[in-house]
Amino acid sequence: MRIEDVAKIIMRTCTGENNMTVNGENQKQSGRISLSEFLIREGFQTERIAVERNGEIVPKSSYQSTFLEDDDRLEIVNFVGGG
């Protein structure tokens, strides 16, 4: 690991800031937060979405116990009714 990478990790740890990608857009997240808290804060109706985190589907039963980390990639899909 390069010294620049170590310094970057230390800075993130000290500031408590995470960089993530949500539906292709970069976001900064301060502090430790669960996926459930994030989704509610962002206004998603958790019963009408599916979430992929770093290429893996997150079961709804795991939203509260899944904590977001630096460099996470989230894809959030809303289900739309129609006919």
C-alpha atoms as a PDB file:
ATOM      1  CA  MET A   1       0.000   0.000   0.000  1.00  0.00           C
ATOM      2  CA  ARG A   2       1.295   3.427  -0.925  1.00  0.00           C
ATOM      3  CA  ILE A   3       1.801   6.149   1.682  1.00  0.00           C
ATOM      4  CA  GLU A   4      -0.818   8.284  -0.116  1.00  0.00           C
ATOM      5  CA  ASP A   5      -3.398   5.532   0.345  1.00  0.00           C
ATOM      6  CA  VAL A   6      -2.588   5.226   4.044  1.00  0.00           C
ATOM      7  CA  ALA A   7      -2.890   8.996   4.485  1.00  0.00           C
ATOM      8  CA  LYS A   8      -6.261   8.963   2.730  1.00  0.00           C
ATOM      9  CA  ILE A   9      -7.554   6.240   5.055  1.00  0.00           C
ATOM     10  CA  ILE A  10      -6.329   8.113   8.129  1.00  0.00           C
ATOM     11  CA  MET A  11      -7.997  11.340   6.983  1.00  0.00           C
ATOM     12  CA  ARG A  12     -11.323   9.572   6.402  1.00  0.00           C
ATOM     13  CA  THR A  13     -11.120   7.952   9.815  1.00  0.00           C
ATOM     14  CA  CYS A  14     -10.392  11.263  11.533  1.00  0.00           C
ATOM     15  CA  THR A  15     -13.099  13.223   9.734  1.00  0.00           C
ATOM     16  CA  GLY A  16     -15.643  10.410   9.773  1.00  0.00           C
ATOM     17  CA  GLU A  17     -16.463  11.136   6.149  1.00  0.00           C
ATOM     18  CA  ASN A  18     -17.214   8.476   3.563  1.00  0.00           C
ATOM     19  CA  ASN A  19     -17.334   8.861  -0.195  1.00  0.00           C
ATOM     20  CA  MET A  20     -19.970   6.744  -1.900  1.00  0.00           C
ATOM     21  CA  THR A  21     -21.627   6.422  -5.261  1.00  0.00           C
ATOM     22  CA  VAL A  22     -25.431   6.344  -5.294  1.00  0.00           C
ATOM     23  CA  ASN A  23     -27.098   5.599  -8.614  1.00  0.00           C
ATOM     24  CA  GLY A  24     -23.959   6.761 -10.409  1.00  0.00           C
ATOM     25  CA  GLU A  25     -23.571  10.045  -8.495  1.00  0.00           C
ATOM     26  CA  ASN A  26     -20.834  10.760  -5.949  1.00  0.00           C
ATOM     27  CA  GLN A  27     -21.992  11.591  -2.427  1.00  0.00           C
ATOM     28  CA  LYS A  28     -20.233  12.321   0.834  1.00  0.00           C
ATOM     29  CA  GLN A  29     -21.615  10.768   3.980  1.00  0.00           C
ATOM     30  CA  SER A  30     -20.631  11.980   7.447  1.00  0.00           C
ATOM     31  CA  GLY A  31     -20.483   9.527  10.294  1.00  0.00           C
ATOM     32  CA  ARG A  32     -21.501   5.900  10.541  1.00  0.00           C
ATOM     33  CA  ILE A  33     -25.004   5.274   9.261  1.00  0.00           C
ATOM     34  CA  SER A  34     -27.063   2.196   8.471  1.00  0.00           C
ATOM     35  CA  LEU A  35     -28.527   1.606   5.058  1.00  0.00           C
ATOM     36  CA  SER A  36     -31.979   1.911   6.622  1.00  0.00           C
ATOM     37  CA  GLU A  37     -31.193   5.346   8.112  1.00  0.00           C
ATOM     38  CA  PHE A  38     -29.712   6.525   4.821  1.00  0.00           C
ATOM     39  CA  LEU A  39     -32.721   5.431   2.785  1.00  0.00           C
ATOM     40  CA  ILE A  40     -35.202   7.085   5.144  1.00  0.00           C
ATOM     41  CA  ARG A  41     -33.157  10.293   5.260  1.00  0.00           C
ATOM     42  CA  GLU A  42     -33.042  10.395   1.451  1.00  0.00           C
ATOM     43  CA  GLY A  43     -36.833   9.954   1.244  1.00  0.00           C
ATOM     44  CA  PHE A  44     -37.048   6.429  -0.151  1.00  0.00           C
ATOM     45  CA  GLN A  45     -40.063   4.264   0.700  1.00  0.00           C
ATOM     46  CA  THR A  46     -38.209   1.123   1.712  1.00  0.00           C
ATOM     47  CA  GLU A  47     -41.122  -1.179   0.928  1.00  0.00           C
ATOM     48  CA  ARG A  48     -41.042  -0.097  -2.748  1.00  0.00           C
ATOM     49  CA  ILE A  49     -37.324  -0.334  -3.539  1.00  0.00           C
ATOM     50  CA  ALA A  50     -34.511  -2.788  -4.143  1.00  0.00           C
ATOM     51  CA  VAL A  51     -30.936  -1.959  -3.148  1.00  0.00           C
ATOM     52  CA  GLU A  52     -27.726  -3.288  -4.611  1.00  0.00           C
ATOM     53  CA  ARG A  53     -24.554  -2.587  -2.616  1.00  0.00           C
ATOM     54  CA  ASN A  54     -21.224  -3.201  -4.307  1.00  0.00           C
ATOM     55  CA  GLY A  55     -22.829  -5.574  -6.802  1.00  0.00           C
ATOM     56  CA  GLU A  56     -24.848  -7.596  -4.275  1.00  0.00           C
ATOM     57  CA  ILE A  57     -28.574  -7.331  -3.549  1.00  0.00           C
ATOM     58  CA  VAL A  58     -29.206  -6.324   0.078  1.00  0.00           C
ATOM     59  CA  PRO A  59     -32.179  -8.160   1.604  1.00  0.00           C
ATOM     60  CA  LYS A  60     -34.708  -5.816   3.225  1.00  0.00           C
ATOM     61  CA  SER A  61     -34.197  -7.716   6.484  1.00  0.00           C
ATOM     62  CA  SER A  62     -30.555  -6.520   6.473  1.00  0.00           C
ATOM     63  CA  TYR A  63     -31.124  -2.784   5.904  1.00  0.00           C
ATOM     64  CA  GLN A  64     -30.807  -1.926   9.622  1.00  0.00           C
ATOM     65  CA  SER A  65     -27.721  -4.059  10.202  1.00  0.00           C
ATOM     66  CA  THR A  66     -25.898  -2.969   7.014  1.00  0.00           C
ATOM     67  CA  PHE A  67     -23.645   0.014   7.663  1.00  0.00           C
ATOM     68  CA  LEU A  68     -22.394   2.142   4.798  1.00  0.00           C
ATOM     69  CA  GLU A  69     -18.641   2.266   4.259  1.00  0.00           C
ATOM     70  CA  ASP A  70     -16.218   4.354   2.273  1.00  0.00           C
ATOM     71  CA  ASP A  71     -16.277   3.684  -1.470  1.00  0.00           C
ATOM     72  CA  ASP A  72     -19.615   1.828  -1.322  1.00  0.00           C
ATOM     73  CA  ARG A  73     -21.536   1.737  -4.600  1.00  0.00           C
ATOM     74  CA  LEU A  74     -25.310   1.767  -4.154  1.00  0.00           C
ATOM     75  CA  GLU A  75     -27.889   1.243  -6.854  1.00  0.00           C
ATOM     76  CA  ILE A  76     -31.407   1.960  -5.644  1.00  0.00           C
ATOM     77  CA  VAL A  77     -34.352   0.980  -7.825  1.00  0.00           C
ATOM     78  CA  ASN A  78     -37.923   2.162  -7.207  1.00  0.00           C
ATOM     79  CA  PHE A  79     -40.777  -0.148  -8.143  1.00  0.00           C
ATOM     80  CA  VAL A  80     -43.492   1.625 -10.098  1.00  0.00           C
ATOM     81  CA  GLY A  81     -47.004   0.298 -10.422  1.00  0.00           C
ATOM     82  CA  GLY A  82     -48.891   0.488 -13.632  1.00  0.00           C
ATOM     83  CA  GLY A  83     -50.805  -1.478 -16.076  1.00  0.00           C
END
